[in-house]
Amino acid sequence: MQPQPEINQRDLRNRSKEIMDAVQQGQAFVVTRDGHQIGELIPLRRRRRFVARAEFAAMSRTAPAISVDAFRADQDEVSDQYAGDRYAR
């Protein structure tokens, strides 16, 4: 892994568009002030919104088995069974 390039506070202010474009493309920077490292400017991880069917199937094959009875017991424990009828309690 390559070391992150350092940019000082003045460069960040004066070259913000250029630096933000680089961050958008995946580049990370260490920000300095008076020669001291004070923070990192890193791109956000992008969340995937779609998982291909084949990938989901492959993940499902290695997933642990689910106990239907334990799942139902967990649901019953946290849900309000009488939400529709306030007098049934």
C-alpha atoms as a PDB file:
ATOM      1  CA  MET A   1       0.000   0.000   0.000  1.00  0.00           C
ATOM      2  CA  GLN A   2       1.375   3.360  -1.009  1.00  0.00           C
ATOM      3  CA  PRO A   3       1.770   6.065   1.609  1.00  0.00           C
ATOM      4  CA  GLN A   4      -0.842   8.794   1.306  1.00  0.00           C
ATOM      5  CA  PRO A   5       0.417  12.106  -0.060  1.00  0.00           C
ATOM      6  CA  GLU A   6       0.484  14.971   2.407  1.00  0.00           C
ATOM      7  CA  ILE A   7      -1.236  18.264   1.747  1.00  0.00           C
ATOM      8  CA  ASN A   8      -1.005  21.264   4.001  1.00  0.00           C
ATOM      9  CA  GLN A   9      -3.915  23.361   5.143  1.00  0.00           C
ATOM     10  CA  ARG A  10      -3.123  26.141   2.662  1.00  0.00           C
ATOM     11  CA  ASP A  11      -3.071  23.711  -0.289  1.00  0.00           C
ATOM     12  CA  LEU A  12      -6.378  22.263   0.845  1.00  0.00           C
ATOM     13  CA  ARG A  13      -7.907  25.725   0.881  1.00  0.00           C
ATOM     14  CA  ASN A  14      -6.350  26.964  -2.384  1.00  0.00           C
ATOM     15  CA  ARG A  15      -6.645  23.755  -4.420  1.00  0.00           C
ATOM     16  CA  SER A  16      -9.872  22.397  -2.951  1.00  0.00           C
ATOM     17  CA  LYS A  17     -11.546  21.556  -6.291  1.00  0.00           C
ATOM     18  CA  GLU A  18      -8.499  19.657  -7.557  1.00  0.00           C
ATOM     19  CA  ILE A  19      -8.114  17.823  -4.245  1.00  0.00           C
ATOM     20  CA  MET A  20     -11.814  16.969  -3.951  1.00  0.00           C
ATOM     21  CA  ASP A  21     -11.802  15.648  -7.525  1.00  0.00           C
ATOM     22  CA  ALA A  22      -8.868  13.384  -6.568  1.00  0.00           C
ATOM     23  CA  VAL A  23     -10.732  12.183  -3.454  1.00  0.00           C
ATOM     24  CA  GLN A  24     -13.785  11.442  -5.590  1.00  0.00           C
ATOM     25  CA  GLN A  25     -11.536   9.292  -7.798  1.00  0.00           C
ATOM     26  CA  GLY A  26     -10.351   7.299  -4.745  1.00  0.00           C
ATOM     27  CA  GLN A  27      -7.221   9.202  -3.651  1.00  0.00           C
ATOM     28  CA  ALA A  28      -6.652   9.751   0.076  1.00  0.00           C
ATOM     29  CA  PHE A  29      -4.540  12.497   1.647  1.00  0.00           C
ATOM     30  CA  VAL A  30      -2.946  13.258   4.999  1.00  0.00           C
ATOM     31  CA  VAL A  31      -3.646  16.862   5.994  1.00  0.00           C
ATOM     32  CA  THR A  32      -0.926  18.793   7.818  1.00  0.00           C
ATOM     33  CA  ARG A  33      -0.794  22.074   9.722  1.00  0.00           C
ATOM     34  CA  ASP A  34       2.513  23.659  10.647  1.00  0.00           C
ATOM     35  CA  GLY A  35       4.272  20.473   9.522  1.00  0.00           C
ATOM     36  CA  HIS A  36       2.240  18.214  11.840  1.00  0.00           C
ATOM     37  CA  GLN A  37      -0.197  15.601  10.603  1.00  0.00           C
ATOM     38  CA  ILE A  38      -3.677  16.509  11.846  1.00  0.00           C
ATOM     39  CA  GLY A  39      -6.051  14.319   9.866  1.00  0.00           C
ATOM     40  CA  GLU A  40      -6.921  12.266   6.829  1.00  0.00           C
ATOM     41  CA  LEU A  41      -9.078  13.140   3.867  1.00  0.00           C
ATOM     42  CA  ILE A  42     -10.399   9.851   2.529  1.00  0.00           C
ATOM     43  CA  PRO A  43     -13.106   8.855   0.060  1.00  0.00           C
ATOM     44  CA  LEU A  44     -16.293   7.361   1.445  1.00  0.00           C
ATOM     45  CA  ARG A  45     -16.898   3.707   0.776  1.00  0.00           C
ATOM     46  CA  ARG A  46     -19.692   3.342  -1.713  1.00  0.00           C
ATOM     47  CA  ARG A  47     -22.483   1.031  -0.677  1.00  0.00           C
ATOM     48  CA  ARG A  48     -23.662  -1.385  -3.272  1.00  0.00           C
ATOM     49  CA  ARG A  49     -27.389  -1.355  -3.818  1.00  0.00           C
ATOM     50  CA  PHE A  50     -27.598  -4.432  -6.011  1.00  0.00           C
ATOM     51  CA  VAL A  51     -26.267  -7.925  -5.496  1.00  0.00           C
ATOM     52  CA  ALA A  52     -26.312 -10.248  -8.467  1.00  0.00           C
ATOM     53  CA  ARG A  53     -28.419 -13.388  -8.074  1.00  0.00           C
ATOM     54  CA  ALA A  54     -25.406 -15.688  -8.496  1.00  0.00           C
ATOM     55  CA  GLU A  55     -23.472 -13.791  -5.815  1.00  0.00           C
ATOM     56  CA  PHE A  56     -26.434 -13.916  -3.416  1.00  0.00           C
ATOM     57  CA  ALA A  57     -26.824 -17.653  -4.036  1.00  0.00           C
ATOM     58  CA  ALA A  58     -23.106 -18.220  -3.368  1.00  0.00           C
ATOM     59  CA  MET A  59     -23.296 -16.266  -0.089  1.00  0.00           C
ATOM     60  CA  SER A  60     -26.447 -18.130   0.936  1.00  0.00           C
ATOM     61  CA  ARG A  61     -24.786 -21.518   0.528  1.00  0.00           C
ATOM     62  CA  THR A  62     -22.235 -20.666   3.239  1.00  0.00           C
ATOM     63  CA  ALA A  63     -24.688 -18.937   5.588  1.00  0.00           C
ATOM     64  CA  PRO A  64     -25.506 -20.645   8.897  1.00  0.00           C
ATOM     65  CA  ALA A  65     -28.765 -22.578   9.153  1.00  0.00           C
ATOM     66  CA  ILE A  66     -31.706 -20.742  10.685  1.00  0.00           C
ATOM     67  CA  SER A  67     -33.917 -22.343  13.301  1.00  0.00           C
ATOM     68  CA  VAL A  68     -37.485 -21.409  12.407  1.00  0.00           C
ATOM     69  CA  ASP A  69     -38.628 -21.988  16.001  1.00  0.00           C
ATOM     70  CA  ALA A  70     -35.885 -19.761  17.455  1.00  0.00           C
ATOM     71  CA  PHE A  71     -36.629 -17.084  14.849  1.00  0.00           C
ATOM     72  CA  ARG A  72     -40.341 -17.107  15.724  1.00  0.00           C
ATOM     73  CA  ALA A  73     -39.565 -16.992  19.463  1.00  0.00           C
ATOM     74  CA  ASP A  74     -37.337 -13.952  18.895  1.00  0.00           C
ATOM     75  CA  GLN A  75     -40.100 -12.231  16.917  1.00  0.00           C
ATOM     76  CA  ASP A  76     -42.704 -12.984  19.583  1.00  0.00           C
ATOM     77  CA  GLU A  77     -40.409 -11.639  22.294  1.00  0.00           C
ATOM     78  CA  VAL A  78     -39.966  -8.211  20.701  1.00  0.00           C
ATOM     79  CA  SER A  79     -43.301  -7.651  18.953  1.00  0.00           C
ATOM     80  CA  ASP A  80     -46.512  -6.370  20.448  1.00  0.00           C
ATOM     81  CA  GLN A  81     -49.026  -9.158  19.850  1.00  0.00           C
ATOM     82  CA  TYR A  82     -51.941  -6.869  20.733  1.00  0.00           C
ATOM     83  CA  ALA A  83     -51.054  -3.809  18.645  1.00  0.00           C
ATOM     84  CA  GLY A  84     -54.433  -3.740  16.873  1.00  0.00           C
ATOM     85  CA  ASP A  85     -56.684  -4.056  19.964  1.00  0.00           C
ATOM     86  CA  ARG A  86     -55.771  -1.820  22.883  1.00  0.00           C
ATOM     87  CA  TYR A  87     -58.355  -3.489  25.151  1.00  0.00           C
ATOM     88  CA  ALA A  88     -57.096  -7.046  24.628  1.00  0.00           C
ATOM     89  CA  ARG A  89     -54.246  -6.648  27.142  1.00  0.00           C
END
